[in-house]
C-alpha atoms as a PDB file:
ATOM      1  CA  UNK A   1     -12.922  19.327   4.531  1.00  0.00           C
ATOM      2  CA  UNK A   2     -13.751  22.934   3.781  1.00  0.00           C
ATOM      3  CA  UNK A   3     -16.803  23.486   1.615  1.00  0.00           C
ATOM      4  CA  UNK A   4     -17.850  26.704  -0.091  1.00  0.00           C
ATOM      5  CA  UNK A   5     -20.905  28.204   1.583  1.00  0.00           C
ATOM      6  CA  UNK A   6     -23.693  25.755   2.269  1.00  0.00           C
ATOM      7  CA  UNK A   7     -22.803  23.604  -0.742  1.00  0.00           C
ATOM      8  CA  UNK A   8     -20.970  20.331  -1.241  1.00  0.00           C
ATOM      9  CA  UNK A   9     -18.366  22.056  -3.430  1.00  0.00           C
ATOM     10  CA  UNK A  10     -14.946  21.853  -1.814  1.00  0.00           C
ATOM     11  CA  UNK A  11     -12.403  24.610  -1.486  1.00  0.00           C
ATOM     12  CA  UNK A  12      -9.943  22.334  -3.301  1.00  0.00           C
ATOM     13  CA  UNK A  13     -12.258  22.170  -6.310  1.00  0.00           C
ATOM     14  CA  UNK A  14     -12.640  25.917  -6.663  1.00  0.00           C
ATOM     15  CA  UNK A  15      -8.958  26.692  -6.058  1.00  0.00           C
ATOM     16  CA  UNK A  16      -7.883  23.856  -8.359  1.00  0.00           C
ATOM     17  CA  UNK A  17      -9.907  25.247 -11.255  1.00  0.00           C
ATOM     18  CA  UNK A  18      -8.680  28.759 -10.545  1.00  0.00           C
ATOM     19  CA  UNK A  19      -5.063  27.581 -10.522  1.00  0.00           C
ATOM     20  CA  UNK A  20      -5.698  25.903 -13.895  1.00  0.00           C
ATOM     21  CA  UNK A  21      -6.702  29.290 -15.296  1.00  0.00           C
ATOM     22  CA  UNK A  22     -10.489  29.202 -14.945  1.00  0.00           C
ATOM     23  CA  UNK A  23     -12.254  32.506 -14.367  1.00  0.00           C
ATOM     24  CA  UNK A  24     -14.908  32.962 -11.694  1.00  0.00           C
ATOM     25  CA  UNK A  25     -17.551  32.768 -14.414  1.00  0.00           C
ATOM     26  CA  UNK A  26     -16.131  29.483 -15.714  1.00  0.00           C
ATOM     27  CA  UNK A  27     -16.096  28.079 -12.190  1.00  0.00           C
ATOM     28  CA  UNK A  28     -19.750  29.119 -11.802  1.00  0.00           C
ATOM     29  CA  UNK A  29     -20.631  27.254 -14.988  1.00  0.00           C
ATOM     30  CA  UNK A  30     -18.903  24.160 -13.609  1.00  0.00           C
ATOM     31  CA  UNK A  31     -20.660  24.299 -10.230  1.00  0.00           C
ATOM     32  CA  UNK A  32     -24.248  25.413 -10.551  1.00  0.00           C
ATOM     33  CA  UNK A  33     -24.582  25.336  -6.751  1.00  0.00           C
ATOM     34  CA  UNK A  34     -22.230  28.323  -6.503  1.00  0.00           C
ATOM     35  CA  UNK A  35     -23.067  31.895  -7.356  1.00  0.00           C
ATOM     36  CA  UNK A  36     -20.466  34.427  -8.414  1.00  0.00           C
ATOM     37  CA  UNK A  37     -20.529  36.097  -5.002  1.00  0.00           C
ATOM     38  CA  UNK A  38     -19.461  32.875  -3.263  1.00  0.00           C
ATOM     39  CA  UNK A  39     -16.786  32.211  -5.876  1.00  0.00           C
ATOM     40  CA  UNK A  40     -15.320  35.715  -5.674  1.00  0.00           C
ATOM     41  CA  UNK A  41     -15.399  35.555  -1.853  1.00  0.00           C
ATOM     42  CA  UNK A  42     -13.576  32.219  -1.948  1.00  0.00           C
ATOM     43  CA  UNK A  43     -10.981  33.450  -4.414  1.00  0.00           C
ATOM     44  CA  UNK A  44     -10.544  36.684  -2.461  1.00  0.00           C
ATOM     45  CA  UNK A  45      -9.915  34.758   0.739  1.00  0.00           C
ATOM     46  CA  UNK A  46      -7.483  32.461  -1.069  1.00  0.00           C
ATOM     47  CA  UNK A  47      -5.530  35.363  -2.552  1.00  0.00           C
ATOM     48  CA  UNK A  48      -5.423  37.172   0.795  1.00  0.00           C
ATOM     49  CA  UNK A  49      -4.378  34.088   2.765  1.00  0.00           C
ATOM     50  CA  UNK A  50      -2.447  32.101   0.209  1.00  0.00           C
ATOM     51  CA  UNK A  51       0.208  30.602   2.541  1.00  0.00           C
ATOM     52  CA  UNK A  52      -2.393  29.349   5.025  1.00  0.00           C
ATOM     53  CA  UNK A  53      -4.698  27.988   2.323  1.00  0.00           C
ATOM     54  CA  UNK A  54      -1.784  26.319   0.530  1.00  0.00           C
ATOM     55  CA  UNK A  55      -0.724  24.650   3.787  1.00  0.00           C
ATOM     56  CA  UNK A  56      -4.289  23.341   4.199  1.00  0.00           C
ATOM     57  CA  UNK A  57      -4.386  22.110   0.589  1.00  0.00           C
ATOM     58  CA  UNK A  58      -0.991  20.395   0.967  1.00  0.00           C
ATOM     59  CA  UNK A  59      -2.122  18.628   4.151  1.00  0.00           C
ATOM     60  CA  UNK A  60      -5.343  17.487   2.485  1.00  0.00           C
ATOM     61  CA  UNK A  61      -3.397  16.115  -0.480  1.00  0.00           C
ATOM     62  CA  UNK A  62      -0.967  14.248   1.783  1.00  0.00           C
ATOM     63  CA  UNK A  63      -3.887  12.789   3.725  1.00  0.00           C
ATOM     64  CA  UNK A  64      -5.596  11.698   0.524  1.00  0.00           C
ATOM     65  CA  UNK A  65      -2.446  10.020  -0.781  1.00  0.00           C
ATOM     66  CA  UNK A  66      -1.914   8.189   2.506  1.00  0.00           C
ATOM     67  CA  UNK A  67      -5.533   7.021   2.563  1.00  0.00           C
ATOM     68  CA  UNK A  68      -5.282   5.832  -1.039  1.00  0.00           C
ATOM     69  CA  UNK A  69      -2.092   3.872  -0.344  1.00  0.00           C
ATOM     70  CA  UNK A  70      -3.656   2.254   2.704  1.00  0.00           C
ATOM     71  CA  UNK A  71      -6.830   1.332   0.833  1.00  0.00           C
ATOM     72  CA  UNK A  72      -4.834  -0.109  -2.064  1.00  0.00           C
ATOM     73  CA  UNK A  73      -2.673  -2.160   0.277  1.00  0.00           C
ATOM     74  CA  UNK A  74      -5.773  -3.732   1.858  1.00  0.00           C
ATOM     75  CA  UNK A  75      -7.576  -4.253  -1.413  1.00  0.00           C
ATOM     76  CA  UNK A  76      -7.725  -7.733  -2.936  1.00  0.00           C
ATOM     77  CA  UNK A  77      -7.126  -6.106  -6.306  1.00  0.00           C
ATOM     78  CA  UNK A  78      -3.697  -4.976  -5.115  1.00  0.00           C
ATOM     79  CA  UNK A  79      -2.833  -8.557  -4.204  1.00  0.00           C
ATOM     80  CA  UNK A  80      -4.126  -9.821  -7.539  1.00  0.00           C
ATOM     81  CA  UNK A  81      -2.199  -7.115  -9.402  1.00  0.00           C
ATOM     82  CA  UNK A  82       1.006  -8.071  -7.572  1.00  0.00           C
ATOM     83  CA  UNK A  83       0.499 -11.763  -8.357  1.00  0.00           C
ATOM     84  CA  UNK A  84      -0.140 -11.009 -12.043  1.00  0.00           C
ATOM     85  CA  UNK A  85       2.965  -8.817 -12.175  1.00  0.00           C
ATOM     86  CA  UNK A  86       5.074 -11.640 -10.706  1.00  0.00           C
ATOM     87  CA  UNK A  87       3.644 -14.109 -13.236  1.00  0.00           C
ATOM     88  CA  UNK A  88       4.291 -11.697 -16.084  1.00  0.00           C
ATOM     89  CA  UNK A  89       7.883 -11.202 -14.951  1.00  0.00           C
ATOM     90  CA  UNK A  90       8.406 -14.972 -14.738  1.00  0.00           C
ATOM     91  CA  UNK A  91       6.861 -15.377 -18.184  1.00  0.00           C
ATOM     92  CA  UNK A  92       9.158 -12.716 -19.626  1.00  0.00           C
ATOM     93  CA  UNK A  93      12.186 -14.463 -18.145  1.00  0.00           C
ATOM     94  CA  UNK A  94      11.339 -17.866 -19.565  1.00  0.00           C
ATOM     95  CA  UNK A  95      13.112 -18.866 -22.799  1.00  0.00           C
ATOM     96  CA  UNK A  96      11.177 -18.622 -26.032  1.00  0.00           C
ATOM     97  CA  UNK A  97      10.192 -21.993 -27.261  1.00  0.00           C
END
């Protein structure tokens, strides 16, 4: 996971806000750990290396989705949710009395 400078703020966070239309100043207000220099450097790198950064972001997103699916499949809540869905479907199929 790429972080901006010596902070815990991720590259995904900064680029995500930028792609949503946030200015560097708005990003700085959102992350008080970042100064404008770090934000402009990050955005400058992103704009100069967009294909490479986008490939990284896409891989991170795919990894996150796979991890989420795996965690949900092992979670007892997933099993409970499936059981409740089956009961609801059976209840919907039963005749009104």
